[in-house]
């Protein structure tokens, strides 16, 4: 999985924005935005602001759902029932809501 910095740069380019454009989008000077893309350590409020400017959302994903989310984003879920894997995981958790809490498999 690519770093946050790479994801921001890729998204900016997908939208056809230049680093200079981020000032008009989020009020962040080009130099500050450039440092952010070049492995800067942004504060959460700055990261949230930049994400909105790039039409993105910040999200915390539970580790047990990470594979399902990645598969969905990569288009690897079944086109007939894209939620099947997520529903399956949800059913397992409904049967045993403590599954994985203490690091065990079952």
C-alpha atoms as a PDB file:
ATOM      1  CA  UNK A   1       0.000   0.000   0.000  1.00  0.00           C
ATOM      2  CA  UNK A   2       1.370   3.406  -0.899  1.00  0.00           C
ATOM      3  CA  UNK A   3       2.120   6.080   1.676  1.00  0.00           C
ATOM      4  CA  UNK A   4      -0.241   8.921   2.447  1.00  0.00           C
ATOM      5  CA  UNK A   5       2.187  11.246   0.676  1.00  0.00           C
ATOM      6  CA  UNK A   6       2.056   9.154  -2.498  1.00  0.00           C
ATOM      7  CA  UNK A   7      -1.733   8.915  -2.317  1.00  0.00           C
ATOM      8  CA  UNK A   8      -2.085  12.696  -2.027  1.00  0.00           C
ATOM      9  CA  UNK A   9       0.268  13.280  -4.951  1.00  0.00           C
ATOM     10  CA  UNK A  10      -1.469  10.668  -7.106  1.00  0.00           C
ATOM     11  CA  UNK A  11      -4.921  12.075  -6.336  1.00  0.00           C
ATOM     12  CA  UNK A  12      -3.789  15.650  -7.026  1.00  0.00           C
ATOM     13  CA  UNK A  13      -2.464  14.569 -10.413  1.00  0.00           C
ATOM     14  CA  UNK A  14      -5.634  12.569 -11.170  1.00  0.00           C
ATOM     15  CA  UNK A  15      -7.641  15.752 -10.627  1.00  0.00           C
ATOM     16  CA  UNK A  16      -5.238  17.726 -12.812  1.00  0.00           C
ATOM     17  CA  UNK A  17      -4.125  20.047 -10.009  1.00  0.00           C
ATOM     18  CA  UNK A  18      -0.675  21.520  -9.566  1.00  0.00           C
ATOM     19  CA  UNK A  19       0.876  22.070  -6.170  1.00  0.00           C
ATOM     20  CA  UNK A  20       0.232  25.804  -6.646  1.00  0.00           C
ATOM     21  CA  UNK A  21      -3.499  25.074  -7.010  1.00  0.00           C
ATOM     22  CA  UNK A  22      -3.689  23.869  -3.417  1.00  0.00           C
ATOM     23  CA  UNK A  23      -3.543  27.443  -2.157  1.00  0.00           C
ATOM     24  CA  UNK A  24      -6.844  28.242  -3.858  1.00  0.00           C
ATOM     25  CA  UNK A  25      -8.346  24.888  -2.858  1.00  0.00           C
ATOM     26  CA  UNK A  26      -7.353  24.798   0.812  1.00  0.00           C
ATOM     27  CA  UNK A  27      -5.344  27.956   1.569  1.00  0.00           C
ATOM     28  CA  UNK A  28      -2.041  26.085   1.842  1.00  0.00           C
ATOM     29  CA  UNK A  29       0.982  27.749   0.225  1.00  0.00           C
ATOM     30  CA  UNK A  30       2.774  25.713  -2.447  1.00  0.00           C
ATOM     31  CA  UNK A  31       5.912  25.330  -0.342  1.00  0.00           C
ATOM     32  CA  UNK A  32       3.953  23.906   2.590  1.00  0.00           C
ATOM     33  CA  UNK A  33       2.003  21.555   0.334  1.00  0.00           C
ATOM     34  CA  UNK A  34       5.216  20.502  -1.420  1.00  0.00           C
ATOM     35  CA  UNK A  35       6.749  19.559   1.954  1.00  0.00           C
ATOM     36  CA  UNK A  36       3.615  17.567   2.770  1.00  0.00           C
ATOM     37  CA  UNK A  37       3.916  15.498  -0.417  1.00  0.00           C
ATOM     38  CA  UNK A  38       7.662  15.070   0.175  1.00  0.00           C
ATOM     39  CA  UNK A  39       7.250  12.996   3.344  1.00  0.00           C
ATOM     40  CA  UNK A  40       6.236  15.823   5.623  1.00  0.00           C
ATOM     41  CA  UNK A  41       4.552  15.006   8.925  1.00  0.00           C
ATOM     42  CA  UNK A  42       1.193  16.786   8.709  1.00  0.00           C
ATOM     43  CA  UNK A  43      -1.033  17.607  11.636  1.00  0.00           C
ATOM     44  CA  UNK A  44      -4.367  15.846  11.496  1.00  0.00           C
ATOM     45  CA  UNK A  45      -6.280  19.064  10.840  1.00  0.00           C
ATOM     46  CA  UNK A  46      -3.998  19.897   7.873  1.00  0.00           C
ATOM     47  CA  UNK A  47      -4.333  16.383   6.508  1.00  0.00           C
ATOM     48  CA  UNK A  48      -8.110  16.592   6.803  1.00  0.00           C
ATOM     49  CA  UNK A  49      -8.127  19.961   5.040  1.00  0.00           C
ATOM     50  CA  UNK A  50      -5.964  18.680   2.175  1.00  0.00           C
ATOM     51  CA  UNK A  51      -8.104  15.552   1.829  1.00  0.00           C
ATOM     52  CA  UNK A  52     -11.235  17.658   1.413  1.00  0.00           C
ATOM     53  CA  UNK A  53      -9.445  19.851  -1.131  1.00  0.00           C
ATOM     54  CA  UNK A  54      -8.623  16.706  -3.113  1.00  0.00           C
ATOM     55  CA  UNK A  55     -12.174  15.326  -2.783  1.00  0.00           C
ATOM     56  CA  UNK A  56     -11.023  12.527  -0.454  1.00  0.00           C
ATOM     57  CA  UNK A  57     -12.075  11.288   2.971  1.00  0.00           C
ATOM     58  CA  UNK A  58      -9.882  10.303   5.883  1.00  0.00           C
ATOM     59  CA  UNK A  59     -10.964   7.052   7.428  1.00  0.00           C
ATOM     60  CA  UNK A  60      -9.857   4.698  10.172  1.00  0.00           C
ATOM     61  CA  UNK A  61     -10.467   1.104   9.136  1.00  0.00           C
ATOM     62  CA  UNK A  62     -10.605  -1.756  11.641  1.00  0.00           C
ATOM     63  CA  UNK A  63      -7.797  -4.208  10.882  1.00  0.00           C
ATOM     64  CA  UNK A  64     -10.245  -7.082  10.482  1.00  0.00           C
ATOM     65  CA  UNK A  65     -11.972  -5.154   7.661  1.00  0.00           C
ATOM     66  CA  UNK A  66      -8.836  -3.930   5.909  1.00  0.00           C
ATOM     67  CA  UNK A  67      -8.619  -6.750   3.346  1.00  0.00           C
ATOM     68  CA  UNK A  68     -12.277  -6.376   2.415  1.00  0.00           C
ATOM     69  CA  UNK A  69     -11.914  -2.602   1.995  1.00  0.00           C
ATOM     70  CA  UNK A  70      -8.764  -2.991  -0.119  1.00  0.00           C
ATOM     71  CA  UNK A  71     -10.480  -5.603  -2.299  1.00  0.00           C
ATOM     72  CA  UNK A  72     -13.481  -3.342  -2.771  1.00  0.00           C
ATOM     73  CA  UNK A  73     -11.312  -0.349  -3.689  1.00  0.00           C
ATOM     74  CA  UNK A  74      -9.257  -2.439  -6.107  1.00  0.00           C
ATOM     75  CA  UNK A  75     -12.402  -3.802  -7.759  1.00  0.00           C
ATOM     76  CA  UNK A  76     -11.677  -7.367  -6.680  1.00  0.00           C
ATOM     77  CA  UNK A  77     -15.052  -7.962  -5.030  1.00  0.00           C
ATOM     78  CA  UNK A  78     -17.551 -10.069  -6.914  1.00  0.00           C
ATOM     79  CA  UNK A  79     -19.576  -7.884  -9.299  1.00  0.00           C
ATOM     80  CA  UNK A  80     -22.649 -10.021  -8.578  1.00  0.00           C
ATOM     81  CA  UNK A  81     -22.480  -9.509  -4.831  1.00  0.00           C
ATOM     82  CA  UNK A  82     -19.808  -6.956  -3.929  1.00  0.00           C
ATOM     83  CA  UNK A  83     -20.762  -7.019  -0.271  1.00  0.00           C
ATOM     84  CA  UNK A  84     -20.571 -10.806   0.137  1.00  0.00           C
ATOM     85  CA  UNK A  85     -17.148 -10.830   1.806  1.00  0.00           C
ATOM     86  CA  UNK A  86     -18.067  -7.952   4.097  1.00  0.00           C
ATOM     87  CA  UNK A  87     -21.398  -9.582   4.968  1.00  0.00           C
ATOM     88  CA  UNK A  88     -19.611 -12.854   5.701  1.00  0.00           C
ATOM     89  CA  UNK A  89     -17.197 -11.087   8.075  1.00  0.00           C
ATOM     90  CA  UNK A  90     -20.099  -9.257   9.708  1.00  0.00           C
ATOM     91  CA  UNK A  91     -21.976 -12.528  10.271  1.00  0.00           C
ATOM     92  CA  UNK A  92     -18.901 -14.077  11.899  1.00  0.00           C
ATOM     93  CA  UNK A  93     -18.549 -11.072  14.188  1.00  0.00           C
ATOM     94  CA  UNK A  94     -22.263 -11.193  15.013  1.00  0.00           C
ATOM     95  CA  UNK A  95     -21.819 -14.813  16.129  1.00  0.00           C
ATOM     96  CA  UNK A  96     -18.709 -13.961  18.150  1.00  0.00           C
ATOM     97  CA  UNK A  97     -18.256 -10.197  18.694  1.00  0.00           C
ATOM     98  CA  UNK A  98     -15.071 -10.855  20.720  1.00  0.00           C
ATOM     99  CA  UNK A  99     -13.328 -12.598  17.813  1.00  0.00           C
ATOM    100  CA  UNK A 100      -9.785 -11.309  17.394  1.00  0.00           C
ATOM    101  CA  UNK A 101      -9.968  -8.872  20.301  1.00  0.00           C
ATOM    102  CA  UNK A 102      -7.237 -10.684  22.204  1.00  0.00           C
ATOM    103  CA  UNK A 103      -5.183 -11.650  19.154  1.00  0.00           C
ATOM    104  CA  UNK A 104      -6.393 -15.215  18.819  1.00  0.00           C
ATOM    105  CA  UNK A 105      -7.714 -16.637  15.562  1.00  0.00           C
ATOM    106  CA  UNK A 106     -10.997 -18.092  16.898  1.00  0.00           C
END
